[in-house]
Amino acid sequence: MKTFTTKAVTAAILSSLSLSAAADLYQVEEVPTADNFRHSFARDINAQNFVVGVSRLPETAEIDFERLGVEDPDTLTDEQIVNFIRNLANESSSETQRQRIGLNQAFYFDTTTQAVEPIPPTGEQWADSTDSFFYSINNANSAVGYSTAPYELIEYTYTDGDGEEQTQEYFVSDFITRGVWFNNGEVTQVTPPETQYLGGETALMDINDSGLAAGYASVAVSPLAEERIADCTPEDEETIVTAPVEVCAWNTWFSLKNSAAGNIEPFRFSFYSRRSNSGSFRANRSIYDVRGFLWQLDSSGNVIGEPQQLGTLMPREEEDENDFSSYAYTVNNNGIAGGQSWTYHPDLDAIKMPAIFVEGEALAVTEDTKYRWGSVNDINDNNVATGYLAEVISSKLRTTGFIYSVDNEQLTTLPGFFTGSSTVANAINDDGIVVGTGEVEATLATRDRAGFMFDSTEEGAEFINLNDTISCDAPYNIIEANSINDSGVIVATALKAEEYTDSEGETQTRDVVVTVKLDPSAADGELNDCTQQENRVERQGASLGLGTLLGFMGLGALISVFRRKSKINS
């Protein structure tokens, strides 16, 4: 939960903007990217201006080139090594017999950027094999997120059809994920109720100022997964089993994790059917039924008392054998949480929709059947939530930001930069100021995105493109606003061009993703016209699709990817 009391500062900023001119109202400070990483994605900022997020794409890693068949790795260029790292990434590689490398590492910024590996390898576990993420930091400087487990190499021996013993090697890990708490160098983990087969999964997605953490945990193995994993150990003794059950179970989990929510896409004229496995939203299923949870943590990150398990918007239908889950992504200082839950659409079967959790019960933000997907991403201390909903607009599935008053049960959609602009609201402060990301180019096939700020309490308020509130000479293209603290400082994700030397010794330019802070207190307030085409071109970065921006990955969102595990599930 993010606490904010910035009405005076923010209102002054918004009131000074006009349609004809943009203001240089923020001074930009780039948060240094962690050493050895190319990109930096912001997630949250607290009252002390401490920032947490995710560093992405290490430029070096411990790679066993002999296993990859590379005879002379010293001849590889830096970019060739990075390509090996990409190909071995945990999130994309389904090969259980290849080395595994994590592309993502949590970072914590106070005055310097600290890369944090919450669960380092021990014993025979392989270095650089985990992915970790920080999603929230409270005003006590406690950060929360989750980490995967380090991988280790095991041998499995079986007898082939000729009666000969064969040995195969596989990379396995102790669990899928563990929710982690971090403060002052100390780390704690949260374990799930269900750990069968793959060790289970947990994640901490938010933490309020009293140490109440919101997230999710595995509570049971789904009926479909039980059936598939049973096939891993056939009763027929004549059947040759070439891999241990944990490898077979992992293959099932990986295919479910990467499944697309194709049922929510509009019909395509050429085939009169929905596209297979091509949905814009990742279903991000699991072998586990998952439930949202609230954990009370003490000042050392230890769980106090019994965690509160949260419900789903509807019970699972009898014929549905898939995992059926809910996820808590945010919690305010009143103990009200928000997130997502599987439910059922009358025409589309199972979908994920925004949910508010009050005393353990999941409550719908809307039951309007025009919406096919959505999530609550943040909730303030006035019990006003924000997030996104997905609907078909002009034959295309697009997202719309919203605010929702829990007390009044009132849903209000946000206008966006233009009609049909896919918009995702990431955070809302106690004064009703919403920040997020939205499409700004209506005429392009691949639409550019920009971070926005919007005063939801002001009638007729304009969507403010944050690129128009900084100097026109700034080298940043702000593509997403992630959070805002009680001093009005916004933490955002931006594109920036950087020079590098290629394998031929030539200087080249590429776009990198950086974390920036936008500080209103140090700005001079001079009005600038940044709408001129030459300035727009100078700050034009490479276009990022919604999945790349919020999912990384597909966080992940993050669950549903990588943004709160994936707030957008793209």
Protein backbone atom coordinates (compact mmCIF):
# COMPACT_ATOMS: atom_id res chain seq x y z
CA MET A 1 0.00 0.00 0.00
CA LYS A 2 1.31 3.45 -0.87
CA THR A 3 0.47 6.36 1.41
CA PHE A 4 0.21 9.85 -0.02
CA THR A 5 -0.76 13.32 1.18
CA THR A 6 0.17 15.56 -1.73
CA LYS A 7 -2.98 17.42 -2.65
CA ALA A 8 -1.48 20.90 -2.47
CA VAL A 9 1.63 20.04 -4.49
CA THR A 10 -0.12 17.95 -7.09
CA ALA A 11 -3.08 20.26 -7.50
CA ALA A 12 -0.71 23.16 -8.14
CA ILE A 13 1.06 21.12 -10.79
CA LEU A 14 -2.12 20.05 -12.54
CA SER A 15 -3.75 23.47 -12.42
CA SER A 16 -0.73 25.09 -14.06
CA LEU A 17 -0.89 22.83 -17.10
CA SER A 18 -2.89 23.68 -20.19
CA LEU A 19 -3.66 22.06 -23.50
CA SER A 20 -1.42 24.46 -25.35
CA ALA A 21 1.65 24.28 -23.17
CA ALA A 22 3.45 21.74 -21.03
CA ALA A 23 5.37 22.61 -17.91
CA ASP A 24 8.88 21.82 -16.82
CA LEU A 25 7.57 21.00 -13.37
CA TYR A 26 9.69 18.00 -12.47
CA GLN A 27 13.40 17.60 -12.12
CA VAL A 28 14.45 14.18 -13.36
CA GLU A 29 16.90 12.01 -11.45
CA GLU A 30 17.97 8.71 -12.95
CA VAL A 31 18.24 5.88 -10.45
CA PRO A 32 21.49 4.03 -11.27
CA THR A 33 20.94 0.64 -12.85
CA ALA A 34 22.46 -2.21 -10.84
CA ASP A 35 25.92 -3.31 -11.90
CA ASN A 36 26.02 -5.96 -14.64
CA PHE A 37 22.41 -5.34 -15.71
CA ARG A 38 21.25 -3.58 -18.86
CA HIS A 39 17.72 -2.52 -17.85
CA SER A 40 15.96 -1.24 -14.74
CA PHE A 41 12.19 -1.38 -14.14
CA ALA A 42 10.69 0.74 -11.35
CA ARG A 43 8.01 -0.65 -9.06
CA ASP A 44 7.53 1.47 -5.92
CA ILE A 45 8.78 4.46 -3.91
CA ASN A 46 8.28 5.30 -0.22
CA ALA A 47 8.29 8.48 1.88
CA GLN A 48 12.10 8.47 2.13
CA ASN A 49 12.36 8.34 -1.69
CA PHE A 50 13.71 4.81 -1.46
CA VAL A 51 12.91 2.88 -4.63
CA VAL A 52 12.50 -0.81 -5.35
CA GLY A 53 12.16 -2.61 -8.64
CA VAL A 54 13.66 -5.17 -10.96
CA SER A 55 16.98 -5.17 -12.80
CA ARG A 56 16.80 -7.10 -16.05
CA LEU A 57 19.21 -8.81 -18.46
CA PRO A 58 22.60 -9.51 -16.88
CA GLU A 59 25.48 -8.89 -19.27
CA THR A 60 27.68 -11.58 -17.71
CA ALA A 61 26.84 -14.82 -15.91
CA GLU A 62 28.50 -18.10 -14.97
CA ILE A 63 27.86 -20.19 -18.08
CA ASP A 64 29.04 -23.77 -18.59
CA PHE A 65 30.05 -23.36 -22.22
CA GLU A 66 31.30 -26.94 -22.41
CA ARG A 67 27.73 -28.19 -21.88
CA LEU A 68 26.65 -25.89 -24.70
CA GLY A 69 29.28 -27.21 -27.08
CA VAL A 70 31.28 -23.98 -27.26
CA GLU A 71 34.94 -24.94 -27.63
CA ASP A 72 36.54 -21.51 -27.23
CA PRO A 73 34.33 -19.11 -25.26
CA ASP A 74 37.14 -16.53 -25.17
CA THR A 75 36.34 -15.74 -28.81
CA LEU A 76 32.74 -14.76 -28.02
CA THR A 77 31.76 -11.12 -28.17
CA ASP A 78 29.92 -9.44 -25.31
CA GLU A 79 26.68 -9.47 -27.29
CA GLN A 80 27.06 -13.17 -28.13
CA ILE A 81 27.38 -13.89 -24.40
CA VAL A 82 24.23 -11.85 -23.73
CA ASN A 83 22.42 -13.89 -26.39
CA PHE A 84 23.45 -17.10 -24.63
CA ILE A 85 22.06 -15.66 -21.39
CA ARG A 86 18.77 -14.82 -23.11
CA ASN A 87 18.49 -18.32 -24.57
CA LEU A 88 19.07 -19.93 -21.15
CA ALA A 89 16.53 -17.72 -19.37
CA ASN A 90 14.29 -19.44 -16.83
CA GLU A 91 11.20 -17.61 -18.05
CA SER A 92 11.48 -18.75 -21.67
CA SER A 93 13.48 -22.00 -21.79
CA SER A 94 11.52 -25.25 -21.49
CA GLU A 95 14.68 -27.38 -21.68
CA THR A 96 15.19 -29.11 -18.34
CA GLN A 97 18.54 -30.53 -19.43
CA ARG A 98 20.10 -27.14 -20.22
CA GLN A 99 21.66 -24.74 -17.78
CA ARG A 100 19.19 -22.19 -16.42
CA ILE A 101 19.83 -18.48 -15.83
CA GLY A 102 17.68 -15.80 -14.21
CA LEU A 103 17.20 -12.61 -16.22
CA ASN A 104 15.69 -10.62 -13.33
CA GLN A 105 17.11 -9.50 -10.00
CA ALA A 106 15.44 -7.38 -7.34
CA PHE A 107 17.01 -3.99 -6.60
CA TYR A 108 16.74 -1.65 -3.61
CA PHE A 109 17.76 2.01 -3.90
CA ASP A 110 18.31 4.32 -0.93
CA THR A 111 21.29 6.47 -1.87
CA THR A 112 22.89 3.75 -4.00
CA THR A 113 21.43 0.89 -5.97
CA GLN A 114 21.79 -2.50 -4.32
CA ALA A 115 21.14 -5.66 -6.31
CA VAL A 116 19.52 -8.18 -3.95
CA GLU A 117 19.58 -11.95 -4.33
CA PRO A 118 17.08 -13.01 -1.65
CA ILE A 119 17.73 -16.74 -2.02
CA PRO A 120 21.39 -17.31 -3.00
CA PRO A 121 22.63 -20.75 -4.08
CA THR A 122 24.17 -23.14 -1.57
CA GLY A 123 26.07 -26.41 -1.93
CA GLU A 124 25.69 -27.82 -5.44
CA GLN A 125 23.14 -25.23 -6.56
CA TRP A 126 24.12 -23.18 -9.62
CA ALA A 127 25.01 -19.50 -9.47
CA ASP A 128 22.94 -16.96 -11.41
CA SER A 129 19.99 -19.38 -11.69
CA THR A 130 17.31 -17.43 -9.78
CA ASP A 131 14.86 -14.70 -10.73
CA SER A 132 13.85 -12.21 -8.03
CA PHE A 133 11.49 -9.24 -7.89
CA PHE A 134 10.67 -6.43 -5.46
CA TYR A 135 7.19 -4.93 -5.88
CA SER A 136 6.59 -2.75 -2.84
CA ILE A 137 8.36 -0.80 -0.09
CA ASN A 138 6.62 0.69 2.94
CA ASN A 139 7.56 3.71 5.03
CA ALA A 140 9.53 1.50 7.43
CA ASN A 141 11.81 0.73 4.45
CA SER A 142 10.70 -2.91 4.27
CA ALA A 143 10.58 -4.29 0.73
CA VAL A 144 8.60 -7.32 -0.40
CA GLY A 145 8.51 -9.46 -3.51
CA TYR A 146 9.36 -13.00 -4.47
CA SER A 147 12.21 -15.19 -5.71
CA THR A 148 12.53 -18.47 -7.53
CA ALA A 149 14.72 -21.24 -6.11
CA PRO A 150 18.29 -21.89 -7.30
CA TYR A 151 18.64 -24.84 -9.68
CA GLU A 152 20.85 -27.86 -9.19
CA LEU A 153 21.90 -30.65 -11.55
CA ILE A 154 20.76 -34.18 -10.72
CA GLU A 155 21.29 -37.57 -12.35
CA TYR A 156 18.43 -39.94 -13.17
CA THR A 157 19.06 -43.55 -14.12
CA TYR A 158 16.56 -45.82 -15.90
CA THR A 159 16.62 -49.07 -17.88
CA ASP A 160 15.94 -48.76 -21.61
CA GLY A 161 14.15 -51.22 -23.90
CA ASP A 162 17.34 -53.26 -24.39
CA GLY A 163 17.82 -53.72 -20.68
CA GLU A 164 20.69 -51.25 -20.55
CA GLU A 165 21.00 -48.62 -17.83
CA GLN A 166 20.91 -45.06 -19.08
CA THR A 167 21.67 -41.91 -17.10
CA GLN A 168 20.26 -38.47 -17.86
CA GLU A 169 20.99 -35.13 -16.19
CA TYR A 170 18.26 -32.63 -15.31
CA PHE A 171 18.15 -29.19 -13.72
CA VAL A 172 15.65 -29.07 -10.84
CA SER A 173 14.84 -26.67 -7.98
CA ASP A 174 13.33 -26.98 -4.51
CA PHE A 175 10.29 -24.77 -5.18
CA ILE A 176 8.68 -22.49 -7.76
CA THR A 177 8.66 -19.22 -5.78
CA ARG A 178 8.86 -17.90 -2.25
CA GLY A 179 7.53 -14.58 -1.04
CA VAL A 180 10.40 -12.57 0.45
CA TRP A 181 10.73 -9.65 2.88
CA PHE A 182 13.89 -7.49 2.91
CA ASN A 183 15.15 -4.74 5.18
CA ASN A 184 18.65 -3.62 6.19
CA GLY A 185 20.26 -6.68 4.61
CA GLU A 186 17.96 -9.17 6.36
CA VAL A 187 15.74 -11.55 4.36
CA THR A 188 12.83 -13.75 5.41
CA GLN A 189 10.67 -16.15 3.38
CA VAL A 190 6.99 -17.12 3.48
CA THR A 191 6.11 -20.77 2.79
CA PRO A 192 2.82 -21.96 1.24
CA PRO A 193 0.29 -24.45 2.63
CA GLU A 194 0.73 -26.75 -0.39
CA THR A 195 4.20 -27.90 -1.48
CA GLN A 196 3.56 -31.25 -3.21
CA TYR A 197 5.52 -32.05 -6.40
CA LEU A 198 7.32 -28.73 -7.02
CA GLY A 199 7.59 -27.16 -3.57
CA GLY A 200 4.68 -24.77 -4.02
CA GLU A 201 4.65 -21.04 -4.68
CA THR A 202 4.19 -17.83 -2.70
CA ALA A 203 4.65 -14.14 -3.45
CA LEU A 204 4.44 -10.94 -1.41
CA MET A 205 3.12 -8.16 -3.64
CA ASP A 206 2.53 -5.28 -1.21
CA ILE A 207 3.09 -4.31 2.43
CA ASN A 208 1.39 -1.55 4.40
CA ASP A 209 2.90 0.60 7.14
CA SER A 210 1.88 -1.80 9.93
CA GLY A 211 3.60 -4.73 8.24
CA LEU A 212 0.49 -6.37 6.78
CA ALA A 213 1.63 -8.03 3.55
CA ALA A 214 -0.60 -9.01 0.64
CA GLY A 215 0.19 -11.76 -1.84
CA TYR A 216 -0.74 -15.29 -2.79
CA ALA A 217 0.16 -18.89 -2.01
CA SER A 218 -0.51 -22.38 -3.34
CA VAL A 219 -3.21 -24.22 -1.36
CA ALA A 220 -3.84 -27.41 -3.38
CA VAL A 221 -2.89 -29.25 -6.57
CA SER A 222 -5.49 -28.67 -9.28
CA PRO A 223 -7.56 -31.60 -10.61
CA LEU A 224 -6.06 -31.24 -14.09
CA ALA A 225 -2.50 -31.22 -12.74
CA GLU A 226 -3.16 -34.29 -10.57
CA GLU A 227 -4.30 -36.15 -13.65
CA ARG A 228 -1.36 -35.08 -15.80
CA ILE A 229 1.24 -35.75 -13.12
CA ALA A 230 -0.26 -39.20 -12.50
CA ASP A 231 0.72 -40.01 -16.08
CA CYS A 232 4.34 -39.32 -15.12
CA THR A 233 4.42 -42.58 -13.16
CA PRO A 234 2.33 -45.06 -15.17
CA GLU A 235 1.09 -48.18 -13.45
CA ASP A 236 2.29 -50.35 -16.35
CA GLU A 237 5.72 -51.57 -15.24
CA GLU A 238 6.72 -52.12 -18.87
CA THR A 239 6.53 -48.40 -19.58
CA ILE A 240 9.97 -46.78 -19.66
CA VAL A 241 10.14 -43.59 -17.60
CA THR A 242 13.06 -41.43 -18.76
CA ALA A 243 12.71 -38.56 -16.26
CA PRO A 244 11.89 -38.22 -12.56
CA VAL A 245 8.36 -37.17 -11.57
CA GLU A 246 9.51 -33.69 -10.54
CA VAL A 247 10.79 -33.03 -14.07
CA CYS A 248 7.53 -34.27 -15.57
CA ALA A 249 5.55 -32.11 -13.12
CA TRP A 250 7.71 -29.10 -13.95
CA ASN A 251 7.01 -29.56 -17.67
CA THR A 252 3.29 -29.53 -16.87
CA TRP A 253 3.66 -26.39 -14.76
CA PHE A 254 5.76 -24.58 -17.40
CA SER A 255 3.21 -25.22 -20.16
CA LEU A 256 0.38 -24.00 -17.93
CA LYS A 257 2.35 -20.93 -16.84
CA ASN A 258 2.86 -19.87 -20.45
CA SER A 259 -0.66 -20.60 -21.63
CA ALA A 260 -2.49 -17.70 -23.28
CA ALA A 261 -5.96 -16.45 -22.41
CA GLY A 262 -7.11 -16.96 -25.98
CA ASN A 263 -10.77 -17.21 -25.03
CA ILE A 264 -11.01 -13.46 -24.39
CA GLU A 265 -9.73 -12.37 -27.81
CA PRO A 266 -12.29 -11.19 -30.38
CA PHE A 267 -13.17 -13.44 -33.29
CA ARG A 268 -11.00 -13.24 -36.41
CA PHE A 269 -12.82 -12.92 -39.72
CA SER A 270 -10.43 -15.15 -41.67
CA PHE A 271 -11.09 -18.21 -39.55
CA TYR A 272 -14.35 -17.33 -37.78
CA SER A 273 -12.73 -18.54 -34.60
CA ARG A 274 -10.53 -17.28 -31.85
CA ARG A 275 -6.82 -17.52 -32.38
CA SER A 276 -5.09 -20.39 -30.61
CA ASN A 277 -2.48 -19.48 -27.98
CA SER A 278 -2.17 -15.93 -29.27
CA GLY A 279 -4.07 -13.94 -26.67
CA SER A 280 -2.73 -10.58 -25.57
CA PHE A 281 -3.11 -11.70 -21.97
CA ARG A 282 -1.23 -14.57 -20.41
CA ALA A 283 -3.49 -16.88 -18.43
CA ASN A 284 -0.49 -17.70 -16.24
CA ARG A 285 -1.99 -20.86 -14.88
CA SER A 286 -0.31 -23.28 -12.50
CA ILE A 287 -0.42 -26.86 -11.30
CA TYR A 288 -1.68 -25.33 -8.04
CA ASP A 289 -4.87 -23.72 -6.90
CA VAL A 290 -3.65 -20.41 -5.51
CA ARG A 291 -5.36 -18.08 -3.06
CA GLY A 292 -4.74 -14.51 -2.08
CA PHE A 293 -3.36 -14.16 1.44
CA LEU A 294 -2.71 -11.51 4.06
CA TRP A 295 0.26 -12.12 6.36
CA GLN A 296 1.02 -9.97 9.41
CA LEU A 297 4.80 -9.55 9.62
CA ASP A 298 6.80 -8.26 12.56
CA SER A 299 9.70 -5.79 12.33
CA SER A 300 12.02 -8.68 11.40
CA GLY A 301 9.79 -9.97 8.61
CA ASN A 302 8.50 -13.00 10.52
CA VAL A 303 4.86 -14.09 10.20
CA ILE A 304 2.76 -13.36 13.30
CA GLY A 305 -0.34 -15.43 13.95
CA GLU A 306 -2.45 -17.22 11.36
CA PRO A 307 -2.40 -15.88 7.79
CA GLN A 308 -5.77 -14.87 6.34
CA GLN A 309 -6.74 -16.80 3.23
CA LEU A 310 -8.84 -14.82 0.74
CA GLY A 311 -11.69 -16.11 -1.37
CA THR A 312 -12.56 -16.19 -5.06
CA LEU A 313 -15.29 -14.25 -6.85
CA MET A 314 -17.10 -17.50 -7.64
CA PRO A 315 -16.60 -21.14 -6.67
CA ARG A 316 -15.03 -23.43 -9.24
CA GLU A 317 -17.58 -25.15 -11.46
CA GLU A 318 -17.75 -28.91 -11.10
CA GLU A 319 -16.64 -29.61 -14.68
CA ASP A 320 -13.71 -27.16 -14.51
CA GLU A 321 -10.52 -29.10 -13.76
CA ASN A 322 -8.13 -26.17 -14.23
CA ASP A 323 -6.52 -24.32 -11.35
CA PHE A 324 -8.92 -21.81 -9.83
CA SER A 325 -7.29 -18.98 -7.94
CA SER A 326 -7.31 -15.50 -6.44
CA TYR A 327 -4.39 -13.08 -5.97
CA ALA A 328 -3.89 -10.09 -3.66
CA TYR A 329 -1.69 -7.38 -5.19
CA THR A 330 -2.27 -4.44 -2.84
CA VAL A 331 -3.39 -3.68 0.72
CA ASN A 332 -4.07 -0.34 2.40
CA ASN A 333 -3.59 0.76 6.00
CA ASN A 334 -7.22 -0.20 6.71
CA GLY A 335 -6.51 -3.84 5.87
CA ILE A 336 -8.59 -3.83 2.67
CA ALA A 337 -6.86 -5.67 -0.18
CA GLY A 338 -7.29 -5.74 -3.93
CA GLY A 339 -6.19 -7.94 -6.79
CA GLN A 340 -7.64 -10.53 -9.15
CA SER A 341 -9.74 -13.67 -9.12
CA TRP A 342 -10.78 -16.30 -11.60
CA THR A 343 -14.51 -16.18 -12.29
CA TYR A 344 -16.83 -17.10 -15.16
CA HIS A 345 -18.14 -15.09 -18.09
CA PRO A 346 -21.47 -16.26 -19.57
CA ASP A 347 -19.95 -16.48 -23.07
CA LEU A 348 -16.20 -16.81 -22.49
CA ASP A 349 -15.88 -19.38 -19.69
CA ALA A 350 -13.10 -18.71 -17.13
CA ILE A 351 -11.65 -15.20 -16.94
CA LYS A 352 -9.68 -13.15 -14.40
CA MET A 353 -11.40 -10.06 -13.06
CA PRO A 354 -10.65 -7.32 -10.49
CA ALA A 355 -11.45 -8.21 -6.88
CA ILE A 356 -11.64 -6.34 -3.58
CA PHE A 357 -11.02 -8.43 -0.47
CA VAL A 358 -12.85 -7.41 2.71
CA GLU A 359 -12.60 -9.70 5.76
CA GLY A 360 -11.49 -12.51 3.47
CA GLU A 361 -14.39 -12.24 1.03
CA ALA A 362 -13.78 -11.48 -2.66
CA LEU A 363 -16.04 -8.71 -3.99
CA ALA A 364 -16.46 -7.83 -7.66
CA VAL A 365 -15.58 -4.36 -8.93
CA THR A 366 -18.01 -4.88 -11.82
CA GLU A 367 -20.19 -7.63 -13.25
CA ASP A 368 -20.67 -5.92 -16.62
CA THR A 369 -20.19 -8.67 -19.23
CA LYS A 370 -18.54 -6.31 -21.72
CA TYR A 371 -15.38 -6.65 -19.65
CA ARG A 372 -13.29 -9.77 -20.27
CA TRP A 373 -10.28 -9.37 -17.95
CA GLY A 374 -8.96 -6.99 -15.33
CA SER A 375 -7.18 -6.33 -12.06
CA VAL A 376 -7.04 -4.04 -9.04
CA ASN A 377 -3.48 -2.71 -8.83
CA ASP A 378 -3.58 -0.31 -5.87
CA ILE A 379 -5.88 0.96 -3.13
CA ASN A 380 -5.48 4.11 -1.04
CA ASP A 381 -6.44 4.81 2.56
CA ASN A 382 -9.73 6.36 1.46
CA ASN A 383 -10.63 2.86 0.20
CA VAL A 384 -10.49 3.96 -3.44
CA ALA A 385 -8.93 1.34 -5.71
CA THR A 386 -7.46 1.63 -9.17
CA GLY A 387 -6.52 -0.80 -11.92
CA TYR A 388 -7.65 -1.79 -15.40
CA LEU A 389 -10.41 -3.61 -17.27
CA ALA A 390 -10.18 -5.17 -20.73
CA GLU A 391 -12.91 -4.92 -23.34
CA VAL A 392 -13.22 -5.14 -27.12
CA ILE A 393 -13.06 -1.71 -28.76
CA SER A 394 -13.13 -1.48 -32.56
CA SER A 395 -12.56 -5.25 -32.83
CA LYS A 396 -9.45 -5.06 -30.67
CA LEU A 397 -9.03 -6.07 -27.04
CA ARG A 398 -7.96 -2.96 -25.14
CA THR A 399 -7.54 -1.98 -21.51
CA THR A 400 -9.24 0.87 -19.68
CA GLY A 401 -8.06 2.35 -16.39
CA PHE A 402 -10.56 2.75 -13.58
CA ILE A 403 -11.10 3.93 -10.03
CA TYR A 404 -13.48 2.16 -7.68
CA SER A 405 -14.87 3.42 -4.38
CA VAL A 406 -15.17 0.45 -2.03
CA ASP A 407 -17.37 2.39 0.39
CA ASN A 408 -19.80 3.60 -2.30
CA GLU A 409 -19.42 0.58 -4.63
CA GLN A 410 -18.96 3.05 -7.48
CA LEU A 411 -16.87 2.30 -10.60
CA THR A 412 -15.52 5.14 -12.76
CA THR A 413 -13.45 4.56 -15.89
CA LEU A 414 -10.60 6.91 -16.80
CA PRO A 415 -10.67 8.85 -20.08
CA GLY A 416 -7.17 7.97 -21.36
CA PHE A 417 -5.17 10.01 -23.85
CA PHE A 418 -7.77 9.37 -26.59
CA THR A 419 -10.77 7.14 -27.23
CA GLY A 420 -9.58 3.55 -27.51
CA SER A 421 -6.20 4.19 -25.86
CA SER A 422 -5.17 1.10 -23.89
CA THR A 423 -4.61 2.44 -20.39
CA VAL A 424 -3.45 0.80 -17.15
CA ALA A 425 -3.65 2.61 -13.81
CA ASN A 426 -0.85 1.51 -11.46
CA ALA A 427 -1.26 3.60 -8.30
CA ILE A 428 -3.57 6.09 -6.59
CA ASN A 429 -2.75 8.38 -3.68
CA ASP A 430 -5.01 9.57 -0.88
CA ASP A 431 -5.80 12.71 -2.88
CA GLY A 432 -7.08 10.67 -5.82
CA ILE A 433 -4.09 11.29 -8.09
CA VAL A 434 -3.71 8.28 -10.41
CA VAL A 435 -0.53 7.34 -12.25
CA GLY A 436 0.04 4.66 -14.86
CA THR A 437 0.68 4.10 -18.55
CA GLY A 438 -1.35 4.65 -21.70
CA GLU A 439 -1.14 4.65 -25.47
CA VAL A 440 -0.49 8.07 -27.00
CA GLU A 441 -0.39 7.39 -30.75
CA ALA A 442 -3.81 6.53 -32.14
CA THR A 443 -2.73 6.28 -35.78
CA LEU A 444 0.17 3.83 -35.47
CA ALA A 445 -0.12 0.05 -35.82
CA THR A 446 2.30 -0.27 -32.89
CA ARG A 447 1.27 2.47 -30.52
CA ASP A 448 3.78 4.33 -28.39
CA ARG A 449 3.10 4.56 -24.66
CA ALA A 450 3.64 7.24 -22.05
CA GLY A 451 3.41 7.52 -18.30
CA PHE A 452 0.47 9.59 -17.13
CA MET A 453 -0.80 11.51 -14.12
CA PHE A 454 -4.53 12.17 -13.63
CA ASP A 455 -6.49 13.91 -10.88
CA SER A 456 -9.57 11.73 -10.45
CA THR A 457 -11.17 14.23 -8.06
CA GLU A 458 -11.15 17.16 -10.51
CA GLU A 459 -14.09 17.40 -12.87
CA GLY A 460 -12.92 17.55 -16.48
CA ALA A 461 -9.28 16.93 -15.57
CA GLU A 462 -6.89 16.24 -18.44
CA PHE A 463 -4.68 13.20 -18.78
CA ILE A 464 -1.17 14.57 -18.23
CA ASN A 465 1.63 13.04 -20.29
CA LEU A 466 4.61 13.03 -17.93
CA ASN A 467 6.95 13.63 -20.85
CA ASP A 468 5.36 17.09 -21.03
CA THR A 469 6.20 17.91 -17.40
CA ILE A 470 9.98 17.59 -17.71
CA SER A 471 12.53 19.52 -19.70
CA CYS A 472 12.21 19.12 -23.45
CA ASP A 473 15.96 18.46 -23.49
CA ALA A 474 15.68 15.50 -21.11
CA PRO A 475 17.01 12.31 -22.72
CA TYR A 476 14.11 10.20 -21.40
CA ASN A 477 10.92 8.87 -22.91
CA ILE A 478 8.75 8.06 -19.89
CA ILE A 479 6.68 5.01 -20.77
CA GLU A 480 5.16 4.15 -17.39
CA ALA A 481 4.49 5.88 -14.07
CA ASN A 482 4.68 3.30 -11.32
CA SER A 483 4.19 5.01 -7.95
CA ILE A 484 4.06 8.35 -6.14
CA ASN A 485 5.03 9.18 -2.54
CA ASP A 486 3.77 11.66 0.04
CA SER A 487 6.11 14.38 -1.25
CA GLY A 488 4.74 14.16 -4.75
CA VAL A 489 7.80 12.35 -6.10
CA ILE A 490 6.90 9.94 -8.90
CA VAL A 491 8.96 6.89 -9.74
CA ALA A 492 8.71 5.91 -13.38
CA THR A 493 10.12 3.69 -16.09
CA ALA A 494 11.72 5.37 -19.11
CA LEU A 495 13.58 4.65 -22.30
CA LYS A 496 16.97 6.24 -22.89
CA ALA A 497 19.44 5.93 -25.74
CA GLU A 498 22.95 4.79 -24.79
CA GLU A 499 26.13 4.29 -26.77
CA TYR A 500 28.08 1.04 -26.76
CA THR A 501 30.93 -0.53 -28.70
CA ASP A 502 30.05 -3.48 -30.93
CA SER A 503 32.22 -6.49 -31.80
CA GLU A 504 33.82 -4.56 -34.65
CA GLY A 505 34.90 -1.73 -32.36
CA GLU A 506 32.29 0.60 -33.79
CA THR A 507 30.17 2.91 -31.64
CA GLN A 508 26.48 2.06 -31.82
CA THR A 509 23.34 3.34 -30.09
CA ARG A 510 20.64 1.28 -28.42
CA ASP A 511 17.64 1.92 -26.19
CA VAL A 512 17.80 0.84 -22.56
CA VAL A 513 15.11 0.91 -19.88
CA VAL A 514 15.93 3.02 -16.82
CA THR A 515 14.25 3.99 -13.55
CA VAL A 516 13.73 7.72 -12.97
CA LYS A 517 12.41 9.85 -10.12
CA LEU A 518 10.39 12.97 -10.93
CA ASP A 519 10.80 15.51 -8.14
CA PRO A 520 8.53 18.59 -8.10
CA SER A 521 10.34 20.27 -5.21
CA ALA A 522 13.54 20.94 -7.15
CA ALA A 523 11.92 22.08 -10.41
CA ASP A 524 11.72 25.73 -11.46
CA GLY A 525 8.22 25.52 -12.90
CA GLU A 526 9.15 27.11 -16.22
CA LEU A 527 6.63 26.38 -18.95
CA ASN A 528 7.98 24.61 -22.03
CA ASP A 529 6.32 23.69 -25.29
CA CYS A 530 7.32 20.07 -25.70
CA THR A 531 4.60 19.34 -28.24
CA GLN A 532 6.72 20.47 -31.20
CA GLN A 533 7.49 17.60 -33.54
CA GLU A 534 11.27 18.02 -33.33
CA ASN A 535 11.18 17.61 -29.57
CA ARG A 536 8.88 14.61 -29.80
CA VAL A 537 11.29 12.94 -32.22
CA GLU A 538 14.31 13.67 -30.05
CA ARG A 539 12.71 11.92 -27.10
CA GLN A 540 11.17 9.14 -29.16
CA GLY A 541 12.34 5.76 -27.89
CA ALA A 542 11.69 2.37 -29.36
CA SER A 543 8.05 1.37 -29.04
CA LEU A 544 7.27 -1.19 -26.35
CA GLY A 545 4.21 -3.37 -26.49
CA LEU A 546 2.07 -3.68 -23.40
CA GLY A 547 3.36 -7.17 -22.74
CA THR A 548 7.00 -6.05 -22.87
CA LEU A 549 6.31 -3.06 -20.66
CA LEU A 550 4.31 -4.66 -17.89
CA GLY A 551 5.07 -8.29 -18.21
CA PHE A 552 8.78 -8.15 -18.85
CA MET A 553 7.96 -10.85 -19.44
CA GLY A 554 5.14 -11.12 -18.76
CA LEU A 555 5.80 -10.55 -15.04
CA GLY A 556 5.26 -10.95 -14.05
CA ALA A 557 3.27 -9.77 -13.13
CA LEU A 558 3.76 -11.14 -12.96
CA ILE A 559 0.43 -15.27 -11.58
CA SER A 560 -0.72 -13.27 -14.11
CA VAL A 561 3.09 -11.78 -15.15
CA PHE A 562 5.25 -9.87 -13.94
CA ARG A 563 3.56 -6.77 -12.71
CA ARG A 564 2.18 -7.48 -9.30
CA LYS A 565 2.68 -10.57 -10.68
CA SER A 566 1.25 -9.46 -13.53
CA LYS A 567 -1.07 -6.79 -13.02
CA ILE A 568 -1.71 -6.81 -16.70
CA ASN A 569 -0.96 -10.48 -17.27
CA SER A 570 0.63 -9.69 -20.56
